[in-house]
Amino acid sequence: MRPHISIVIPDPYIPLDEYCRRTGMSRSTAENLISYGKLPIKPKGAQKKGLVEINMAALTVMALSECDIALNA
């Protein structure tokens, strides 16, 4: 029988400044990763100058996809 693991994402989106604070990453590095497509953000739609929010759910899925495990949603 396979073990059951539950992953809880308490904050699916967090502001860029909070992400930088939590990870210790500089804002300029995070902005570069966003522009390269390596750090997923919440779509802003028509508000191009709106708040930048990091998509923590997508980051979690990306990290899990790099592991040798099967994901069932």
PDB file of N, CA and C in Angstrom:
ATOM      1  N   MET A   1       0.845  -1.185   0.000  1.00  0.00           N
ATOM      2  CA  MET A   1       0.000   0.000   0.000  1.00  0.00           C
ATOM      3  C   MET A   1       0.891   1.249   0.000  1.00  0.00           C
ATOM      4  N   ARG A   2       0.523   2.202  -0.803  1.00  0.00           N
ATOM      5  CA  ARG A   2       1.298   3.438  -0.908  1.00  0.00           C
ATOM      6  C   ARG A   2       0.929   4.377   0.239  1.00  0.00           C
ATOM      7  N   PRO A   3       1.915   5.081   0.762  1.00  0.00           N
ATOM      8  CA  PRO A   3       1.588   6.047   1.826  1.00  0.00           C
ATOM      9  C   PRO A   3       0.821   7.233   1.254  1.00  0.00           C
ATOM     10  N   HIS A   4      -0.023   7.806   2.087  1.00  0.00           N
ATOM     11  CA  HIS A   4      -0.819   8.972   1.696  1.00  0.00           C
ATOM     12  C   HIS A   4      -0.176  10.208   2.318  1.00  0.00           C
ATOM     13  N   ILE A   5       0.179  11.169   1.509  1.00  0.00           N
ATOM     14  CA  ILE A   5       0.798  12.407   1.981  1.00  0.00           C
ATOM     15  C   ILE A   5      -0.095  13.571   1.576  1.00  0.00           C
ATOM     16  N   SER A   6      -0.450  14.385   2.550  1.00  0.00           N
ATOM     17  CA  SER A   6      -1.247  15.584   2.274  1.00  0.00           C
ATOM     18  C   SER A   6      -0.337  16.803   2.345  1.00  0.00           C
ATOM     19  N   ILE A   7      -0.448  17.654   1.355  1.00  0.00           N
ATOM     20  CA  ILE A   7       0.333  18.885   1.321  1.00  0.00           C
ATOM     21  C   ILE A   7      -0.641  20.047   1.388  1.00  0.00           C
ATOM     22  N   VAL A   8      -0.459  20.878   2.393  1.00  0.00           N
ATOM     23  CA  VAL A   8      -1.330  22.033   2.596  1.00  0.00           C
ATOM     24  C   VAL A   8      -0.568  23.285   2.170  1.00  0.00           C
ATOM     25  N   ILE A   9      -1.205  24.108   1.366  1.00  0.00           N
ATOM     26  CA  ILE A   9      -0.617  25.373   0.934  1.00  0.00           C
ATOM     27  C   ILE A   9      -1.430  26.474   1.606  1.00  0.00           C
ATOM     28  N   PRO A  10      -0.945  26.978   2.755  1.00  0.00           N
ATOM     29  CA  PRO A  10      -1.745  27.940   3.510  1.00  0.00           C
ATOM     30  C   PRO A  10      -1.971  29.262   2.785  1.00  0.00           C
ATOM     31  N   ASP A  11      -1.011  29.682   1.991  1.00  0.00           N
ATOM     32  CA  ASP A  11      -1.116  30.945   1.255  1.00  0.00           C
ATOM     33  C   ASP A  11      -0.871  30.673  -0.222  1.00  0.00           C
ATOM     34  N   PRO A  12      -1.934  30.467  -1.021  1.00  0.00           N
ATOM     35  CA  PRO A  12      -1.715  30.164  -2.437  1.00  0.00           C
ATOM     36  C   PRO A  12      -1.041  31.304  -3.202  1.00  0.00           C
ATOM     37  N   TYR A  13      -1.265  32.534  -2.767  1.00  0.00           N
ATOM     38  CA  TYR A  13      -0.609  33.699  -3.364  1.00  0.00           C
ATOM     39  C   TYR A  13      -0.045  34.560  -2.243  1.00  0.00           C
ATOM     40  N   ILE A  14       1.191  35.033  -2.407  1.00  0.00           N
ATOM     41  CA  ILE A  14       1.756  35.984  -1.452  1.00  0.00           C
ATOM     42  C   ILE A  14       2.398  37.129  -2.230  1.00  0.00           C
ATOM     43  N   PRO A  15       2.372  38.341  -1.656  1.00  0.00           N
ATOM     44  CA  PRO A  15       2.995  39.478  -2.335  1.00  0.00           C
ATOM     45  C   PRO A  15       4.499  39.239  -2.534  1.00  0.00           C
ATOM     46  N   LEU A  16       5.038  39.855  -3.548  1.00  0.00           N
ATOM     47  CA  LEU A  16       6.454  39.695  -3.883  1.00  0.00           C
ATOM     48  C   LEU A  16       7.347  40.040  -2.699  1.00  0.00           C
ATOM     49  N   ASP A  17       7.067  41.123  -1.982  1.00  0.00           N
ATOM     50  CA  ASP A  17       7.897  41.502  -0.840  1.00  0.00           C
ATOM     51  C   ASP A  17       7.884  40.439   0.251  1.00  0.00           C
ATOM     52  N   GLU A  18       6.731  39.815   0.484  1.00  0.00           N
ATOM     53  CA  GLU A  18       6.634  38.754   1.489  1.00  0.00           C
ATOM     54  C   GLU A  18       7.418  37.528   1.039  1.00  0.00           C
ATOM     55  N   TYR A  19       7.343  37.197  -0.248  1.00  0.00           N
ATOM     56  CA  TYR A  19       8.116  36.071  -0.780  1.00  0.00           C
ATOM     57  C   TYR A  19       9.611  36.313  -0.572  1.00  0.00           C
ATOM     58  N   CYS A  20      10.053  37.518  -0.868  1.00  0.00           N
ATOM     59  CA  CYS A  20      11.474  37.856  -0.690  1.00  0.00           C
ATOM     60  C   CYS A  20      11.872  37.776   0.780  1.00  0.00           C
ATOM     61  N   ARG A  21      11.000  38.227   1.658  1.00  0.00           N
ATOM     62  CA  ARG A  21      11.298  38.159   3.093  1.00  0.00           C
ATOM     63  C   ARG A  21      11.416  36.714   3.558  1.00  0.00           C
ATOM     64  N   ARG A  22      10.481  35.867   3.120  1.00  0.00           N
ATOM     65  CA  ARG A  22      10.480  34.467   3.548  1.00  0.00           C
ATOM     66  C   ARG A  22      11.667  33.690   3.009  1.00  0.00           C
ATOM     67  N   THR A  23      12.071  33.985   1.793  1.00  0.00           N
ATOM     68  CA  THR A  23      13.137  33.211   1.161  1.00  0.00           C
ATOM     69  C   THR A  23      14.517  33.837   1.322  1.00  0.00           C
ATOM     70  N   GLY A  24      14.576  35.110   1.703  1.00  0.00           N
ATOM     71  CA  GLY A  24      15.861  35.796   1.802  1.00  0.00           C
ATOM     72  C   GLY A  24      16.398  36.230   0.445  1.00  0.00           C
ATOM     73  N   MET A  25      15.563  36.149  -0.574  1.00  0.00           N
ATOM     74  CA  MET A  25      15.954  36.525  -1.932  1.00  0.00           C
ATOM     75  C   MET A  25      15.797  38.033  -2.108  1.00  0.00           C
ATOM     76  N   SER A  26      16.720  38.632  -2.840  1.00  0.00           N
ATOM     77  CA  SER A  26      16.590  40.069  -3.103  1.00  0.00           C
ATOM     78  C   SER A  26      15.444  40.297  -4.080  1.00  0.00           C
ATOM     79  N   ARG A  27      14.857  41.469  -3.996  1.00  0.00           N
ATOM     80  CA  ARG A  27      13.729  41.796  -4.877  1.00  0.00           C
ATOM     81  C   ARG A  27      14.165  41.773  -6.338  1.00  0.00           C
ATOM     82  N   SER A  28      15.364  42.279  -6.619  1.00  0.00           N
ATOM     83  CA  SER A  28      15.826  42.311  -8.016  1.00  0.00           C
ATOM     84  C   SER A  28      16.011  40.898  -8.573  1.00  0.00           C
ATOM     85  N   THR A  29      16.499  39.974  -7.749  1.00  0.00           N
ATOM     86  CA  THR A  29      16.645  38.584  -8.199  1.00  0.00           C
ATOM     87  C   THR A  29      15.275  37.974  -8.474  1.00  0.00           C
ATOM     88  N   ALA A  30      14.316  38.211  -7.581  1.00  0.00           N
ATOM     89  CA  ALA A  30      12.965  37.688  -7.774  1.00  0.00           C
ATOM     90  C   ALA A  30      12.337  38.272  -9.044  1.00  0.00           C
ATOM     91  N   GLU A  31      12.515  39.551  -9.265  1.00  0.00           N
ATOM     92  CA  GLU A  31      11.973  40.176 -10.486  1.00  0.00           C
ATOM     93  C   GLU A  31      12.611  39.586 -11.736  1.00  0.00           C
ATOM     94  N   ASN A  32      13.908  39.296 -11.676  1.00  0.00           N
ATOM     95  CA  ASN A  32      14.570  38.649 -12.811  1.00  0.00           C
ATOM     96  C   ASN A  32      13.992  37.256 -13.056  1.00  0.00           C
ATOM     97  N   LEU A  33      13.775  36.484 -11.991  1.00  0.00           N
ATOM     98  CA  LEU A  33      13.202  35.145 -12.136  1.00  0.00           C
ATOM     99  C   LEU A  33      11.795  35.214 -12.729  1.00  0.00           C
ATOM    100  N   ILE A  34      11.030  36.226 -12.331  1.00  0.00           N
ATOM    101  CA  ILE A  34       9.689  36.410 -12.901  1.00  0.00           C
ATOM    102  C   ILE A  34       9.796  36.704 -14.396  1.00  0.00           C
ATOM    103  N   SER A  35      10.706  37.597 -14.771  1.00  0.00           N
ATOM    104  CA  SER A  35      10.834  37.957 -16.192  1.00  0.00           C
ATOM    105  C   SER A  35      11.337  36.786 -17.037  1.00  0.00           C
ATOM    106  N   TYR A  36      12.123  35.862 -16.434  1.00  0.00           N
ATOM    107  CA  TYR A  36      12.599  34.680 -17.147  1.00  0.00           C
ATOM    108  C   TYR A  36      11.564  33.560 -17.157  1.00  0.00           C
ATOM    109  N   GLY A  37      10.458  33.751 -16.404  1.00  0.00           N
ATOM    110  CA  GLY A  37       9.424  32.726 -16.338  1.00  0.00           C
ATOM    111  C   GLY A  37       9.720  31.618 -15.346  1.00  0.00           C
ATOM    112  N   LYS A  38      10.684  31.821 -14.464  1.00  0.00           N
ATOM    113  CA  LYS A  38      11.069  30.799 -13.486  1.00  0.00           C
ATOM    114  C   LYS A  38      10.308  30.921 -12.169  1.00  0.00           C
ATOM    115  N   LEU A  39       9.657  32.061 -11.948  1.00  0.00           N
ATOM    116  CA  LEU A  39       8.901  32.290 -10.723  1.00  0.00           C
ATOM    117  C   LEU A  39       7.477  32.661 -11.128  1.00  0.00           C
ATOM    118  N   PRO A  40       6.510  31.753 -10.885  1.00  0.00           N
ATOM    119  CA  PRO A  40       5.135  31.998 -11.358  1.00  0.00           C
ATOM    120  C   PRO A  40       4.429  33.074 -10.533  1.00  0.00           C
ATOM    121  N   ILE A  41       3.677  33.915 -11.220  1.00  0.00           N
ATOM    122  CA  ILE A  41       2.918  34.968 -10.549  1.00  0.00           C
ATOM    123  C   ILE A  41       1.440  34.853 -10.908  1.00  0.00           C
ATOM    124  N   LYS A  42       0.621  35.499 -10.102  1.00  0.00           N
ATOM    125  CA  LYS A  42      -0.811  35.550 -10.359  1.00  0.00           C
ATOM    126  C   LYS A  42      -1.049  36.469 -11.548  1.00  0.00           C
ATOM    127  N   PRO A  43      -1.831  36.021 -12.531  1.00  0.00           N
ATOM    128  CA  PRO A  43      -2.121  36.892 -13.679  1.00  0.00           C
ATOM    129  C   PRO A  43      -2.785  38.188 -13.213  1.00  0.00           C
ATOM    130  N   LYS A  44      -2.329  39.300 -13.782  1.00  0.00           N
ATOM    131  CA  LYS A  44      -2.855  40.605 -13.375  1.00  0.00           C
ATOM    132  C   LYS A  44      -3.943  41.121 -14.299  1.00  0.00           C
ATOM    133  N   GLY A  45      -4.164  40.453 -15.398  1.00  0.00           N
ATOM    134  CA  GLY A  45      -5.203  40.883 -16.337  1.00  0.00           C
ATOM    135  C   GLY A  45      -4.888  42.249 -16.912  1.00  0.00           C
ATOM    136  N   ALA A  46      -5.850  43.150 -16.862  1.00  0.00           N
ATOM    137  CA  ALA A  46      -5.692  44.489 -17.434  1.00  0.00           C
ATOM    138  C   ALA A  46      -4.825  45.393 -16.559  1.00  0.00           C
ATOM    139  N   GLN A  47      -4.640  45.031 -15.297  1.00  0.00           N
ATOM    140  CA  GLN A  47      -3.845  45.852 -14.389  1.00  0.00           C
ATOM    141  C   GLN A  47      -2.364  45.495 -14.511  1.00  0.00           C
ATOM    142  N   LYS A  48      -1.687  46.087 -15.441  1.00  0.00           N
ATOM    143  CA  LYS A  48      -0.276  45.772 -15.643  1.00  0.00           C
ATOM    144  C   LYS A  48       0.606  46.302 -14.515  1.00  0.00           C
ATOM    145  N   LYS A  49       0.161  47.325 -13.813  1.00  0.00           N
ATOM    146  CA  LYS A  49       0.945  47.914 -12.727  1.00  0.00           C
ATOM    147  C   LYS A  49       0.446  47.463 -11.352  1.00  0.00           C
ATOM    148  N   GLY A  50      -0.422  46.446 -11.308  1.00  0.00           N
ATOM    149  CA  GLY A  50      -1.006  45.991 -10.050  1.00  0.00           C
ATOM    150  C   GLY A  50      -0.005  45.251  -9.178  1.00  0.00           C
ATOM    151  N   LEU A  51      -0.466  44.836  -8.012  1.00  0.00           N
ATOM    152  CA  LEU A  51       0.334  44.104  -7.047  1.00  0.00           C
ATOM    153  C   LEU A  51       0.838  42.794  -7.656  1.00  0.00           C
ATOM    154  N   VAL A  52       2.124  42.531  -7.519  1.00  0.00           N
ATOM    155  CA  VAL A  52       2.708  41.273  -8.000  1.00  0.00           C
ATOM    156  C   VAL A  52       2.593  40.258  -6.873  1.00  0.00           C
ATOM    157  N   GLU A  53       1.903  39.148  -7.161  1.00  0.00           N
ATOM    158  CA  GLU A  53       1.737  38.086  -6.178  1.00  0.00           C
ATOM    159  C   GLU A  53       2.339  36.795  -6.718  1.00  0.00           C
ATOM    160  N   ILE A  54       3.149  36.153  -5.896  1.00  0.00           N
ATOM    161  CA  ILE A  54       3.794  34.901  -6.273  1.00  0.00           C
ATOM    162  C   ILE A  54       2.791  33.759  -6.095  1.00  0.00           C
ATOM    163  N   ASN A  55       2.692  32.890  -7.077  1.00  0.00           N
ATOM    164  CA  ASN A  55       1.778  31.751  -7.058  1.00  0.00           C
ATOM    165  C   ASN A  55       2.470  30.586  -6.340  1.00  0.00           C
ATOM    166  N   MET A  56       2.231  30.487  -5.033  1.00  0.00           N
ATOM    167  CA  MET A  56       2.869  29.451  -4.226  1.00  0.00           C
ATOM    168  C   MET A  56       2.346  28.059  -4.563  1.00  0.00           C
ATOM    169  N   ALA A  57       1.091  27.967  -4.988  1.00  0.00           N
ATOM    170  CA  ALA A  57       0.534  26.676  -5.393  1.00  0.00           C
ATOM    171  C   ALA A  57       1.284  26.141  -6.615  1.00  0.00           C
ATOM    172  N   ALA A  58       1.519  27.003  -7.595  1.00  0.00           N
ATOM    173  CA  ALA A  58       2.259  26.584  -8.791  1.00  0.00           C
ATOM    174  C   ALA A  58       3.700  26.214  -8.444  1.00  0.00           C
ATOM    175  N   LEU A  59       4.314  26.958  -7.532  1.00  0.00           N
ATOM    176  CA  LEU A  59       5.682  26.635  -7.103  1.00  0.00           C
ATOM    177  C   LEU A  59       5.735  25.260  -6.445  1.00  0.00           C
ATOM    178  N   THR A  60       4.733  24.951  -5.637  1.00  0.00           N
ATOM    179  CA  THR A  60       4.678  23.647  -4.970  1.00  0.00           C
ATOM    180  C   THR A  60       4.529  22.532  -5.995  1.00  0.00           C
ATOM    181  N   VAL A  61       3.647  22.720  -6.962  1.00  0.00           N
ATOM    182  CA  VAL A  61       3.457  21.711  -8.012  1.00  0.00           C
ATOM    183  C   VAL A  61       4.745  21.546  -8.824  1.00  0.00           C
ATOM    184  N   MET A  62       5.418  22.656  -9.127  1.00  0.00           N
ATOM    185  CA  MET A  62       6.689  22.577  -9.868  1.00  0.00           C
ATOM    186  C   MET A  62       7.718  21.770  -9.081  1.00  0.00           C
ATOM    187  N   ALA A  63       7.823  22.030  -7.780  1.00  0.00           N
ATOM    188  CA  ALA A  63       8.785  21.314  -6.948  1.00  0.00           C
ATOM    189  C   ALA A  63       8.453  19.820  -6.872  1.00  0.00           C
ATOM    190  N   LEU A  64       7.180  19.508  -6.724  1.00  0.00           N
ATOM    191  CA  LEU A  64       6.769  18.111  -6.649  1.00  0.00           C
ATOM    192  C   LEU A  64       6.970  17.377  -7.966  1.00  0.00           C
ATOM    193  N   SER A  65       6.801  18.091  -9.071  1.00  0.00           N
ATOM    194  CA  SER A  65       6.957  17.458 -10.379  1.00  0.00           C
ATOM    195  C   SER A  65       8.412  17.076 -10.659  1.00  0.00           C
ATOM    196  N   GLU A  66       9.326  17.685  -9.936  1.00  0.00           N
ATOM    197  CA  GLU A  66      10.740  17.348 -10.100  1.00  0.00           C
ATOM    198  C   GLU A  66      11.142  16.110  -9.280  1.00  0.00           C
ATOM    199  N   CYS A  67      10.215  15.609  -8.460  1.00  0.00           N
ATOM    200  CA  CYS A  67      10.462  14.409  -7.665  1.00  0.00           C
ATOM    201  C   CYS A  67       9.953  13.185  -8.427  1.00  0.00           C
ATOM    202  N   ASP A  68      10.443  12.038  -8.041  1.00  0.00           N
ATOM    203  CA  ASP A  68      10.013  10.800  -8.688  1.00  0.00           C
ATOM    204  C   ASP A  68       8.816  10.232  -7.937  1.00  0.00           C
ATOM    205  N   ILE A  69       7.667  10.963  -8.019  1.00  0.00           N
ATOM    206  CA  ILE A  69       6.451  10.533  -7.352  1.00  0.00           C
ATOM    207  C   ILE A  69       5.276  10.721  -8.296  1.00  0.00           C
ATOM    208  N   ALA A  70       4.189  10.042  -8.026  1.00  0.00           N
ATOM    209  CA  ALA A  70       2.968  10.208  -8.821  1.00  0.00           C
ATOM    210  C   ALA A  70       2.052  11.185  -8.107  1.00  0.00           C
ATOM    211  N   LEU A  71       1.523  12.151  -8.836  1.00  0.00           N
ATOM    212  CA  LEU A  71       0.602  13.133  -8.270  1.00  0.00           C
ATOM    213  C   LEU A  71      -0.806  12.820  -8.727  1.00  0.00           C
ATOM    214  N   ASN A  72      -1.735  12.723  -7.786  1.00  0.00           N
ATOM    215  CA  ASN A  72      -3.141  12.545  -8.087  1.00  0.00           C
ATOM    216  C   ASN A  72      -3.897  13.688  -7.456  1.00  0.00           C
ATOM    217  N   ALA A  73      -4.498  14.546  -8.277  1.00  0.00           N
ATOM    218  CA  ALA A  73      -5.226  15.688  -7.720  1.00  0.00           C
ATOM    219  C   ALA A  73      -6.675  15.353  -7.519  1.00  0.00           C
TER     220      ALA A  73
END
